[in-house]
Amino acid sequence: MTETEILGWAGTVTAVVLGLPQLVRLARTRNVEGLSLPAWQAFLAVNLGWTAHGIAIGQASQVVASALSLLSTVPILYLMSRQLKRSFLLTLAPGLGLAALMVLIDQLFGSGAYGAVAIIPAVLANAGQSVALVRDRHVDGVSVLFLILAVVNQVIWLAWALLVPDTGTIIAATTTGIIALFNLAWYTARVLGLPPIPSRQAARRSPQRE
């Protein structure tokens, strides 16, 4: 087995198990504090988009990783929609629409263009989680193991993409990995006592409540 294949299947394993710690925590606690719904909607688009991209470039490990990741992403969205009292189908709609756009661009313009566009949902997913970690009053609903695996997964896929090489994956893995590392660091700071940074609107309302 080549180095590329080893890294590809290592990325597959980490991607498949990536969402499981968060799914288990959410199913056990029903606590969504610190979780971002837009982030998980974007993760849905990422899973679907990269499944299609893996098929397009003939990389089985990428297909398996992204497709099996749906087994945690979709249930997480279902549980979040239940807790937030939202329609499950409407909750899925933004992710499905964004995934369709990603696939269309990949087919029409190729891997480089796809990689540039694929940054958008990847950044939305991780940056959306960043906002929740920064602003939410509590982060008890977030699984630290999920955040750790998110960093590890992007490092593996970056190494894989450099060996293949695949421009789309290099661009996306680098950008996403930086944000995933920020999320882990900020979560750690919150657990250690760093207070939330409320939005301006929330800050304006706070004195009125007091």
Protein backbone atom coordinates (compact mmCIF):
# COMPACT_ATOMS: atom_id res chain seq x y z
CA MET A 1 0.00 0.00 0.00
CA THR A 2 1.41 3.40 -0.99
CA GLU A 3 1.76 6.45 1.27
CA THR A 4 -1.09 8.10 -0.61
CA GLU A 5 -3.37 5.15 0.00
CA ILE A 6 -2.42 4.98 3.69
CA LEU A 7 -3.15 8.69 4.18
CA GLY A 8 -6.34 8.44 2.14
CA TRP A 9 -7.73 5.65 4.26
CA ALA A 10 -6.50 7.33 7.47
CA GLY A 11 -8.46 10.39 6.37
CA THR A 12 -11.41 8.13 5.67
CA VAL A 13 -11.38 6.63 9.15
CA THR A 14 -11.10 9.99 10.92
CA ALA A 15 -13.76 11.55 8.68
CA VAL A 16 -16.17 8.68 9.31
CA VAL A 17 -15.80 8.86 13.09
CA LEU A 18 -15.49 12.67 13.18
CA GLY A 19 -19.13 13.45 13.92
CA LEU A 20 -19.79 10.43 16.14
CA PRO A 21 -18.61 12.02 19.43
CA GLN A 22 -20.84 15.01 18.79
CA LEU A 23 -23.76 12.78 17.84
CA VAL A 24 -23.36 10.68 20.99
CA ARG A 25 -23.12 13.76 23.20
CA LEU A 26 -26.16 15.38 21.60
CA ALA A 27 -28.22 12.18 21.76
CA ARG A 28 -27.28 11.67 25.41
CA THR A 29 -27.70 15.22 26.72
CA ARG A 30 -30.07 16.87 24.20
CA ASN A 31 -27.97 19.96 24.93
CA VAL A 32 -27.30 22.24 21.94
CA GLU A 33 -25.40 24.95 23.88
CA GLY A 34 -22.37 26.00 21.86
CA LEU A 35 -23.53 24.17 18.73
CA SER A 36 -24.20 26.07 15.50
CA LEU A 37 -27.09 24.98 13.28
CA PRO A 38 -25.72 26.82 10.20
CA ALA A 39 -22.41 25.04 10.78
CA TRP A 40 -24.00 21.60 10.63
CA GLN A 41 -26.08 22.60 7.60
CA ALA A 42 -22.80 23.53 5.92
CA PHE A 43 -21.28 20.20 7.03
CA LEU A 44 -24.12 18.50 5.15
CA ALA A 45 -23.13 20.37 1.99
CA VAL A 46 -19.48 19.47 2.57
CA ASN A 47 -20.28 15.77 2.97
CA LEU A 48 -22.38 15.65 -0.20
CA GLY A 49 -20.08 17.86 -2.25
CA TRP A 50 -16.92 15.93 -1.42
CA THR A 51 -18.66 12.62 -2.06
CA ALA A 52 -19.39 13.79 -5.59
CA HIS A 53 -15.87 15.24 -5.99
CA GLY A 54 -14.29 11.96 -4.87
CA ILE A 55 -16.33 10.14 -7.51
CA ALA A 56 -15.23 12.68 -10.13
CA ILE A 57 -11.49 12.24 -9.43
CA GLY A 58 -11.74 8.49 -8.83
CA GLN A 59 -10.64 8.45 -5.18
CA ALA A 60 -12.53 5.73 -3.31
CA SER A 61 -11.25 6.78 0.14
CA GLN A 62 -12.65 10.28 -0.29
CA VAL A 63 -16.00 8.91 -1.46
CA VAL A 64 -16.29 6.52 1.47
CA ALA A 65 -15.22 9.15 4.01
CA SER A 66 -17.65 11.81 2.84
CA ALA A 67 -20.59 9.46 2.25
CA LEU A 68 -20.30 7.71 5.60
CA SER A 69 -19.95 11.06 7.37
CA LEU A 70 -23.58 11.65 6.47
CA LEU A 71 -24.46 8.91 8.97
CA SER A 72 -23.59 11.32 11.77
CA THR A 73 -24.31 14.68 10.11
CA VAL A 74 -27.94 13.91 9.22
CA PRO A 75 -28.88 12.55 12.69
CA ILE A 76 -27.21 15.56 14.33
CA LEU A 77 -29.30 17.89 12.18
CA TYR A 78 -32.39 15.88 13.06
CA LEU A 79 -31.72 16.11 16.81
CA MET A 80 -30.91 19.82 16.56
CA SER A 81 -34.10 20.51 14.61
CA ARG A 82 -36.06 18.69 17.33
CA GLN A 83 -34.45 20.67 20.13
CA LEU A 84 -34.81 23.98 18.28
CA LYS A 85 -38.37 23.10 17.22
CA ARG A 86 -37.69 23.49 13.50
CA SER A 87 -38.88 21.50 10.50
CA PHE A 88 -36.35 18.77 9.70
CA LEU A 89 -36.82 19.11 5.93
CA LEU A 90 -36.41 22.88 6.07
CA THR A 91 -33.33 22.34 8.22
CA LEU A 92 -31.80 20.16 5.50
CA ALA A 93 -32.70 22.50 2.62
CA PRO A 94 -29.77 24.99 2.83
CA GLY A 95 -27.18 22.20 2.90
CA LEU A 96 -28.79 20.36 0.00
CA GLY A 97 -28.92 23.52 -2.10
CA LEU A 98 -25.30 24.42 -1.41
CA ALA A 99 -24.18 20.86 -2.21
CA ALA A 100 -25.96 20.99 -5.58
CA LEU A 101 -24.11 24.21 -6.41
CA MET A 102 -20.76 22.64 -5.45
CA VAL A 103 -21.36 19.61 -7.68
CA LEU A 104 -22.37 21.83 -10.60
CA ILE A 105 -19.20 23.93 -10.34
CA ASP A 106 -17.02 20.80 -10.07
CA GLN A 107 -18.54 19.38 -13.25
CA LEU A 108 -18.40 22.60 -15.23
CA PHE A 109 -15.07 24.13 -14.18
CA GLY A 110 -12.91 21.35 -12.71
CA SER A 111 -11.00 20.61 -9.50
CA GLY A 112 -9.27 23.97 -9.03
CA ALA A 113 -12.50 25.94 -9.28
CA TYR A 114 -14.24 23.38 -7.11
CA GLY A 115 -11.57 23.70 -4.41
CA ALA A 116 -11.97 27.47 -4.35
CA VAL A 117 -15.76 27.17 -4.06
CA ALA A 118 -15.62 24.25 -1.62
CA ILE A 119 -13.83 26.56 0.82
CA ILE A 120 -17.12 28.44 1.26
CA PRO A 121 -19.21 25.70 2.96
CA ALA A 122 -16.12 24.42 4.78
CA VAL A 123 -15.44 27.89 6.14
CA LEU A 124 -19.13 28.41 6.91
CA ALA A 125 -19.21 25.14 8.84
CA ASN A 126 -16.12 25.83 10.91
CA ALA A 127 -16.57 29.59 11.22
CA GLY A 128 -20.20 29.08 12.21
CA GLN A 129 -18.99 26.86 15.01
CA SER A 130 -16.39 29.51 15.86
CA VAL A 131 -19.12 32.13 16.30
CA ALA A 132 -21.10 29.83 18.58
CA LEU A 133 -18.02 29.08 20.69
CA VAL A 134 -17.22 32.77 20.99
CA ARG A 135 -20.73 34.10 21.68
CA ASP A 136 -22.80 31.40 23.35
CA ARG A 137 -23.19 31.72 27.09
CA HIS A 138 -22.26 28.05 27.60
CA VAL A 139 -20.49 25.49 25.41
CA ASP A 140 -21.63 22.37 27.27
CA GLY A 141 -23.22 20.88 24.15
CA VAL A 142 -19.93 20.73 22.23
CA SER A 143 -17.83 17.55 22.14
CA VAL A 144 -14.11 18.27 22.58
CA LEU A 145 -13.29 14.97 20.85
CA PHE A 146 -15.17 16.21 17.78
CA LEU A 147 -13.04 19.38 17.74
CA ILE A 148 -9.81 17.39 18.08
CA LEU A 149 -10.76 14.98 15.29
CA ALA A 150 -11.68 17.92 13.06
CA VAL A 151 -8.09 19.22 13.27
CA VAL A 152 -6.55 15.77 12.78
CA ASN A 153 -8.79 15.06 9.80
CA GLN A 154 -7.78 18.23 7.94
CA VAL A 155 -4.07 17.62 8.57
CA ILE A 156 -4.37 14.12 7.10
CA TRP A 157 -6.31 15.28 4.03
CA LEU A 158 -3.80 18.06 3.40
CA ALA A 159 -0.94 15.56 3.46
CA TRP A 160 -2.93 13.26 1.15
CA ALA A 161 -3.71 16.07 -1.28
CA LEU A 162 -0.06 17.10 -1.50
CA LEU A 163 0.87 13.56 -2.54
CA VAL A 164 -1.96 13.01 -5.07
CA PRO A 165 -1.75 16.01 -5.90
CA ASP A 166 -5.24 17.56 -5.88
CA THR A 167 -5.50 21.34 -5.90
CA GLY A 168 -9.08 21.41 -4.68
CA THR A 169 -8.35 19.40 -1.56
CA ILE A 170 -5.14 21.35 -0.80
CA ILE A 171 -6.99 24.66 -0.82
CA ALA A 172 -9.94 23.43 1.22
CA ALA A 173 -7.95 21.39 3.78
CA THR A 174 -5.53 24.23 4.53
CA THR A 175 -8.24 26.83 5.10
CA THR A 176 -10.53 24.52 7.03
CA GLY A 177 -7.70 23.18 9.15
CA ILE A 178 -6.72 26.65 10.36
CA ILE A 179 -10.28 27.41 11.47
CA ALA A 180 -10.67 23.97 13.08
CA LEU A 181 -7.51 24.62 15.09
CA PHE A 182 -8.91 27.97 16.22
CA ASN A 183 -12.12 26.27 17.36
CA LEU A 184 -10.23 23.77 19.48
CA ALA A 185 -8.10 26.50 21.04
CA TRP A 186 -11.09 28.75 21.76
CA TYR A 187 -13.14 25.90 23.22
CA THR A 188 -10.24 25.12 25.53
CA ALA A 189 -10.11 28.76 26.60
CA ARG A 190 -13.86 28.78 27.28
CA VAL A 191 -13.63 25.65 29.42
CA LEU A 192 -10.79 27.26 31.35
CA GLY A 193 -13.00 30.24 32.16
CA LEU A 194 -12.85 32.68 29.25
CA PRO A 195 -16.22 34.49 29.17
CA PRO A 196 -18.33 34.72 26.02
CA ILE A 197 -18.07 37.74 23.75
CA PRO A 198 -21.68 38.74 23.06
CA SER A 199 -22.81 40.32 19.81
CA ARG A 200 -23.36 44.09 19.83
CA GLN A 201 -27.11 43.55 19.82
CA ALA A 202 -26.93 41.24 22.83
CA ALA A 203 -24.60 43.65 24.59
CA ARG A 204 -27.08 46.50 24.08
CA ARG A 205 -29.92 44.40 25.52
CA SER A 206 -27.94 43.23 28.55
CA PRO A 207 -28.15 46.44 30.64
CA GLN A 208 -31.90 46.53 30.09
CA ARG A 209 -32.28 43.06 31.59
CA GLU A 210 -30.28 44.07 34.61
